[in-house]
PDB file of N, CA and C in Angstrom:
ATOM      1  N   MET A   1     -94.009 -61.556 -39.600  1.00  0.00           N
ATOM      2  CA  MET A   1     -93.572 -60.306 -39.000  1.00  0.00           C
ATOM      3  C   MET A   1     -92.190 -60.490 -38.374  1.00  0.00           C
ATOM      4  N   LEU A   2     -92.035 -61.535 -37.613  1.00  0.00           N
ATOM      5  CA  LEU A   2     -90.747 -61.789 -36.970  1.00  0.00           C
ATOM      6  C   LEU A   2     -89.680 -62.117 -38.007  1.00  0.00           C
ATOM      7  N   GLU A   3     -90.089 -62.774 -39.068  1.00  0.00           N
ATOM      8  CA  GLU A   3     -89.155 -63.112 -40.147  1.00  0.00           C
ATOM      9  C   GLU A   3     -88.601 -61.846 -40.802  1.00  0.00           C
ATOM     10  N   LEU A   4     -89.458 -60.854 -41.012  1.00  0.00           N
ATOM     11  CA  LEU A   4     -88.997 -59.586 -41.577  1.00  0.00           C
ATOM     12  C   LEU A   4     -88.036 -58.876 -40.634  1.00  0.00           C
ATOM     13  N   ALA A   5     -88.299 -58.943 -39.344  1.00  0.00           N
ATOM     14  CA  ALA A   5     -87.406 -58.316 -38.369  1.00  0.00           C
ATOM     15  C   ALA A   5     -86.023 -58.957 -38.410  1.00  0.00           C
ATOM     16  N   ILE A   6     -85.978 -60.274 -38.530  1.00  0.00           N
ATOM     17  CA  ILE A   6     -84.696 -60.971 -38.607  1.00  0.00           C
ATOM     18  C   ILE A   6     -83.958 -60.578 -39.877  1.00  0.00           C
ATOM     19  N   VAL A   7     -84.678 -60.455 -40.989  1.00  0.00           N
ATOM     20  CA  VAL A   7     -84.055 -60.033 -42.241  1.00  0.00           C
ATOM     21  C   VAL A   7     -83.463 -58.638 -42.095  1.00  0.00           C
ATOM     22  N   PHE A   8     -84.191 -57.721 -41.467  1.00  0.00           N
ATOM     23  CA  PHE A   8     -83.686 -56.368 -41.291  1.00  0.00           C
ATOM     24  C   PHE A   8     -82.487 -56.347 -40.344  1.00  0.00           C
ATOM     25  N   PHE A   9     -82.469 -57.203 -39.308  1.00  0.00           N
ATOM     26  CA  PHE A   9     -81.312 -57.286 -38.429  1.00  0.00           C
ATOM     27  C   PHE A   9     -80.082 -57.754 -39.202  1.00  0.00           C
ATOM     28  N   VAL A  10     -80.253 -58.747 -40.057  1.00  0.00           N
ATOM     29  CA  VAL A  10     -79.132 -59.256 -40.852  1.00  0.00           C
ATOM     30  C   VAL A  10     -78.622 -58.178 -41.811  1.00  0.00           C
ATOM     31  N   ILE A  11     -79.535 -57.453 -42.446  1.00  0.00           N
ATOM     32  CA  ILE A  11     -79.132 -56.374 -43.340  1.00  0.00           C
ATOM     33  C   ILE A  11     -78.371 -55.306 -42.562  1.00  0.00           C
ATOM     34  N   ALA A  12     -78.829 -54.986 -41.356  1.00  0.00           N
ATOM     35  CA  ALA A  12     -78.154 -53.982 -40.534  1.00  0.00           C
ATOM     36  C   ALA A  12     -76.755 -54.429 -40.141  1.00  0.00           C
ATOM     37  N   ILE A  13     -76.605 -55.689 -39.809  1.00  0.00           N
ATOM     38  CA  ILE A  13     -75.283 -56.205 -39.435  1.00  0.00           C
ATOM     39  C   ILE A  13     -74.338 -56.165 -40.623  1.00  0.00           C
ATOM     40  N   ILE A  14     -74.821 -56.574 -41.790  1.00  0.00           N
ATOM     41  CA  ILE A  14     -73.981 -56.556 -42.984  1.00  0.00           C
ATOM     42  C   ILE A  14     -73.624 -55.123 -43.368  1.00  0.00           C
ATOM     43  N   ALA A  15     -74.594 -54.226 -43.329  1.00  0.00           N
ATOM     44  CA  ALA A  15     -74.327 -52.828 -43.671  1.00  0.00           C
ATOM     45  C   ALA A  15     -73.355 -52.199 -42.679  1.00  0.00           C
ATOM     46  N   GLY A  16     -73.489 -52.524 -41.412  1.00  0.00           N
ATOM     47  CA  GLY A  16     -72.564 -52.006 -40.410  1.00  0.00           C
ATOM     48  C   GLY A  16     -71.151 -52.525 -40.614  1.00  0.00           C
ATOM     49  N   ALA A  17     -71.031 -53.784 -40.994  1.00  0.00           N
ATOM     50  CA  ALA A  17     -69.712 -54.362 -41.242  1.00  0.00           C
ATOM     51  C   ALA A  17     -69.057 -53.743 -42.474  1.00  0.00           C
ATOM     52  N   LEU A  18     -69.862 -53.343 -43.444  1.00  0.00           N
ATOM     53  CA  LEU A  18     -69.324 -52.734 -44.663  1.00  0.00           C
ATOM     54  C   LEU A  18     -69.120 -51.232 -44.531  1.00  0.00           C
ATOM     55  N   GLY A  19     -69.526 -50.662 -43.421  1.00  0.00           N
ATOM     56  CA  GLY A  19     -69.276 -49.254 -43.172  1.00  0.00           C
ATOM     57  C   GLY A  19     -70.418 -48.326 -43.525  1.00  0.00           C
ATOM     58  N   ALA A  20     -71.543 -48.850 -43.938  1.00  0.00           N
ATOM     59  CA  ALA A  20     -72.703 -48.015 -44.272  1.00  0.00           C
ATOM     60  C   ALA A  20     -73.523 -47.806 -43.007  1.00  0.00           C
ATOM     61  N   THR A  21     -73.061 -46.901 -42.159  1.00  0.00           N
ATOM     62  CA  THR A  21     -73.701 -46.736 -40.852  1.00  0.00           C
ATOM     63  C   THR A  21     -75.100 -46.134 -40.958  1.00  0.00           C
ATOM     64  N   GLY A  22     -75.339 -45.313 -41.970  1.00  0.00           N
ATOM     65  CA  GLY A  22     -76.669 -44.733 -42.143  1.00  0.00           C
ATOM     66  C   GLY A  22     -77.703 -45.798 -42.464  1.00  0.00           C
ATOM     67  N   VAL A  23     -77.350 -46.681 -43.381  1.00  0.00           N
ATOM     68  CA  VAL A  23     -78.258 -47.776 -43.754  1.00  0.00           C
ATOM     69  C   VAL A  23     -78.432 -48.723 -42.568  1.00  0.00           C
ATOM     70  N   ALA A  24     -77.357 -48.989 -41.853  1.00  0.00           N
ATOM     71  CA  ALA A  24     -77.433 -49.888 -40.696  1.00  0.00           C
ATOM     72  C   ALA A  24     -78.345 -49.322 -39.623  1.00  0.00           C
ATOM     73  N   GLY A  25     -78.263 -48.031 -39.385  1.00  0.00           N
ATOM     74  CA  GLY A  25     -79.114 -47.408 -38.369  1.00  0.00           C
ATOM     75  C   GLY A  25     -80.581 -47.449 -38.731  1.00  0.00           C
ATOM     76  N   VAL A  26     -80.875 -47.173 -39.995  1.00  0.00           N
ATOM     77  CA  VAL A  26     -82.274 -47.183 -40.448  1.00  0.00           C
ATOM     78  C   VAL A  26     -82.849 -48.588 -40.385  1.00  0.00           C
ATOM     79  N   THR A  27     -82.110 -49.570 -40.879  1.00  0.00           N
ATOM     80  CA  THR A  27     -82.629 -50.936 -40.873  1.00  0.00           C
ATOM     81  C   THR A  27     -82.753 -51.479 -39.451  1.00  0.00           C
ATOM     82  N   MET A  28     -81.855 -51.062 -38.566  1.00  0.00           N
ATOM     83  CA  MET A  28     -81.963 -51.515 -37.180  1.00  0.00           C
ATOM     84  C   MET A  28     -83.201 -50.931 -36.515  1.00  0.00           C
ATOM     85  N   SER A  29     -83.503 -49.674 -36.791  1.00  0.00           N
ATOM     86  CA  SER A  29     -84.701 -49.088 -36.185  1.00  0.00           C
ATOM     87  C   SER A  29     -85.970 -49.725 -36.752  1.00  0.00           C
ATOM     88  N   ILE A  30     -85.973 -50.050 -38.036  1.00  0.00           N
ATOM     89  CA  ILE A  30     -87.121 -50.746 -38.627  1.00  0.00           C
ATOM     90  C   ILE A  30     -87.287 -52.113 -37.980  1.00  0.00           C
ATOM     91  N   ALA A  31     -86.175 -52.813 -37.787  1.00  0.00           N
ATOM     92  CA  ALA A  31     -86.234 -54.140 -37.175  1.00  0.00           C
ATOM     93  C   ALA A  31     -86.743 -54.067 -35.739  1.00  0.00           C
ATOM     94  N   LYS A  32     -86.324 -53.041 -34.993  1.00  0.00           N
ATOM     95  CA  LYS A  32     -86.810 -52.887 -33.619  1.00  0.00           C
ATOM     96  C   LYS A  32     -88.321 -52.679 -33.593  1.00  0.00           C
ATOM     97  N   TRP A  33     -88.833 -51.827 -34.477  1.00  0.00           N
ATOM     98  CA  TRP A  33     -90.275 -51.578 -34.515  1.00  0.00           C
ATOM     99  C   TRP A  33     -91.042 -52.823 -34.943  1.00  0.00           C
ATOM    100  N   LEU A  34     -90.474 -53.614 -35.845  1.00  0.00           N
ATOM    101  CA  LEU A  34     -91.144 -54.848 -36.249  1.00  0.00           C
ATOM    102  C   LEU A  34     -91.207 -55.845 -35.098  1.00  0.00           C
ATOM    103  N   VAL A  35     -90.153 -55.922 -34.306  1.00  0.00           N
ATOM    104  CA  VAL A  35     -90.155 -56.819 -33.151  1.00  0.00           C
ATOM    105  C   VAL A  35     -91.186 -56.356 -32.130  1.00  0.00           C
ATOM    106  N   VAL A  36     -91.244 -55.053 -31.873  1.00  0.00           N
ATOM    107  CA  VAL A  36     -92.227 -54.519 -30.929  1.00  0.00           C
ATOM    108  C   VAL A  36     -93.644 -54.802 -31.423  1.00  0.00           C
ATOM    109  N   LEU A  37     -93.881 -54.571 -32.700  1.00  0.00           N
ATOM    110  CA  LEU A  37     -95.195 -54.839 -33.277  1.00  0.00           C
ATOM    111  C   LEU A  37     -95.543 -56.317 -33.179  1.00  0.00           C
ATOM    112  N   PHE A  38     -94.575 -57.188 -33.434  1.00  0.00           N
ATOM    113  CA  PHE A  38     -94.800 -58.622 -33.305  1.00  0.00           C
ATOM    114  C   PHE A  38     -95.171 -58.995 -31.881  1.00  0.00           C
ATOM    115  N   LEU A  39     -94.452 -58.438 -30.900  1.00  0.00           N
ATOM    116  CA  LEU A  39     -94.741 -58.767 -29.504  1.00  0.00           C
ATOM    117  C   LEU A  39     -96.116 -58.275 -29.080  1.00  0.00           C
ATOM    118  N   VAL A  40     -96.487 -57.083 -29.517  1.00  0.00           N
ATOM    119  CA  VAL A  40     -97.812 -56.555 -29.179  1.00  0.00           C
ATOM    120  C   VAL A  40     -98.900 -57.433 -29.782  1.00  0.00           C
ATOM    121  N   LEU A  41     -98.745 -57.796 -31.042  1.00  0.00           N
ATOM    122  CA  LEU A  41     -99.755 -58.643 -31.682  1.00  0.00           C
ATOM    123  C   LEU A  41     -99.799 -60.042 -31.051  1.00  0.00           C
ATOM    124  N   ALA A  42     -98.646 -60.562 -30.642  1.00  0.00           N
ATOM    125  CA  ALA A  42     -98.618 -61.879 -29.999  1.00  0.00           C
ATOM    126  C   ALA A  42     -99.353 -61.842 -28.654  1.00  0.00           C
ATOM    127  N   VAL A  43     -99.124 -60.790 -27.882  1.00  0.00           N
ATOM    128  CA  VAL A  43     -99.810 -60.666 -26.585  1.00  0.00           C
ATOM    129  C   VAL A  43    -101.313 -60.497 -26.783  1.00  0.00           C
ATOM    130  N   LEU A  44    -101.688 -59.681 -27.755  1.00  0.00           N
ATOM    131  CA  LEU A  44    -103.120 -59.489 -28.032  1.00  0.00           C
ATOM    132  C   LEU A  44    -103.785 -60.786 -28.471  1.00  0.00           C
ATOM    133  N   SER A  45    -103.090 -61.558 -29.284  1.00  0.00           N
ATOM    134  CA  SER A  45    -103.700 -62.810 -29.740  1.00  0.00           C
ATOM    135  C   SER A  45    -103.810 -63.825 -28.614  1.00  0.00           C
ATOM    136  N   LEU A  46    -102.901 -63.751 -27.640  1.00  0.00           N
ATOM    137  CA  LEU A  46    -102.997 -64.649 -26.507  1.00  0.00           C
ATOM    138  C   LEU A  46    -104.117 -64.247 -25.558  1.00  0.00           C
ATOM    139  N   LEU A  47    -104.358 -62.952 -25.446  1.00  0.00           N
ATOM    140  CA  LEU A  47    -105.396 -62.478 -24.540  1.00  0.00           C
ATOM    141  C   LEU A  47    -106.805 -62.625 -25.108  1.00  0.00           C
ATOM    142  N   LEU A  48    -106.947 -62.569 -26.403  1.00  0.00           N
ATOM    143  CA  LEU A  48    -108.276 -62.620 -27.002  1.00  0.00           C
ATOM    144  C   LEU A  48    -108.682 -64.002 -27.403  1.00  0.00           C
TER     145      LEU A  48
END
């Protein structure tokens, strides 16, 4: 899960550098949700 978030962050950075702001925004929001999901699952696994 975290690996996918890092991949999406890298894609967003590359797209932003190339001027594709729409693609960069979408991939950044996907990466943010993946990080949040990873953190929630990590906390749940620690508690259970």
